[in-house]
Amino acid sequence: MTLHLDIPESIASSLRLPVPEMEPRLRIELALALYAQGILSFGKASELAGVSRYRFADLIGQREIPRHYTDEELAQDLEYAGGQ
């Protein structure tokens, strides 16, 4: 499923961002907000933001958003570390 979000023209034209920066910036802001609320996992939030996991970690650090570390993420990290 793909979800498209329509932003009213009155809102889009009020954003204080250059047009080429609007979509990537809104994706990052949405990803940070959803991650902070526990709605998206770290990996999925970084995917939504369109940035690497390292860059997303930097962004949540800059915003002082607490890192949520689930059992699933631990298993993924252990699998990665074991080279499996």
Protein backbone atom coordinates (compact mmCIF):
# COMPACT_ATOMS: atom_id res chain seq x y z
CA MET A 1 0.00 0.00 0.00
CA THR A 2 1.22 3.47 -0.86
CA LEU A 3 -0.17 6.46 0.95
CA HIS A 4 -0.16 9.94 -0.56
CA LEU A 5 -0.73 12.94 1.65
CA ASP A 6 -2.25 16.06 0.11
CA ILE A 7 -1.04 19.32 1.61
CA PRO A 8 -3.41 22.22 0.92
CA GLU A 9 -1.88 24.91 -1.29
CA SER A 10 -2.45 27.50 1.45
CA ILE A 11 -0.23 25.44 3.78
CA ALA A 12 2.39 24.55 1.16
CA SER A 13 2.78 28.17 0.11
CA SER A 14 3.18 29.19 3.78
CA LEU A 15 6.10 26.84 4.40
CA ARG A 16 9.31 28.76 4.82
CA LEU A 17 11.27 26.29 2.72
CA PRO A 18 12.53 26.33 -0.85
CA VAL A 19 10.31 24.15 -3.05
CA PRO A 20 12.99 21.46 -3.66
CA GLU A 21 13.42 21.03 0.12
CA MET A 22 9.72 20.71 0.99
CA GLU A 23 9.08 17.02 0.43
CA PRO A 24 12.32 15.67 1.94
CA ARG A 25 12.01 17.98 4.93
CA LEU A 26 8.37 17.06 5.55
CA ARG A 27 9.25 13.35 5.30
CA ILE A 28 11.98 13.84 7.93
CA GLU A 29 9.72 15.84 10.23
CA LEU A 30 6.93 13.27 9.94
CA ALA A 31 9.34 10.39 10.55
CA LEU A 32 10.78 12.09 13.65
CA ALA A 33 7.31 12.81 15.07
CA LEU A 34 6.04 9.28 14.46
CA TYR A 35 9.18 7.74 15.94
CA ALA A 36 9.02 10.01 19.01
CA GLN A 37 5.42 8.90 19.62
CA GLY A 38 6.31 5.22 19.26
CA ILE A 39 4.18 4.85 16.14
CA LEU A 40 7.10 3.86 13.87
CA SER A 41 10.17 1.79 14.64
CA PHE A 42 13.62 3.31 14.21
CA GLY A 43 14.28 1.43 10.97
CA LYS A 44 10.93 2.28 9.40
CA ALA A 45 11.19 5.91 10.50
CA SER A 46 14.63 6.24 8.90
CA GLU A 47 13.17 4.63 5.76
CA LEU A 48 10.30 7.13 5.72
CA ALA A 49 12.74 9.98 6.25
CA GLY A 50 14.80 8.76 3.31
CA VAL A 51 18.05 8.89 5.25
CA SER A 52 20.49 6.31 6.55
CA ARG A 53 20.08 4.86 10.02
CA TYR A 54 23.21 6.76 11.09
CA ARG A 55 21.80 10.06 9.86
CA PHE A 56 18.44 9.35 11.51
CA ALA A 57 20.22 8.59 14.78
CA ASP A 58 21.94 11.98 14.49
CA LEU A 59 18.60 13.68 13.90
CA ILE A 60 16.89 12.12 16.92
CA GLY A 61 19.94 12.99 18.99
CA GLN A 62 19.79 16.63 17.89
CA ARG A 63 16.12 16.75 18.88
CA GLU A 64 16.84 14.90 22.13
CA ILE A 65 14.24 12.27 21.27
CA PRO A 66 14.71 9.18 23.47
CA ARG A 67 15.82 6.10 21.54
CA HIS A 68 13.32 3.22 21.61
CA TYR A 69 15.16 -0.09 21.42
CA THR A 70 12.88 -3.08 20.97
CA ASP A 71 13.61 -6.77 21.27
CA GLU A 72 13.16 -7.02 17.49
CA GLU A 73 15.82 -4.36 16.92
CA LEU A 74 18.15 -6.14 19.31
CA ALA A 75 17.66 -9.40 17.38
CA GLN A 76 18.37 -7.59 14.10
CA ASP A 77 21.53 -6.03 15.53
CA LEU A 78 22.71 -9.37 16.89
CA GLU A 79 22.04 -11.04 13.55
CA TYR A 80 23.96 -8.30 11.75
CA ALA A 81 26.86 -8.49 14.21
CA GLY A 82 27.02 -12.27 13.78
CA GLY A 83 27.12 -11.93 10.01
CA GLN A 84 24.14 -14.20 9.50
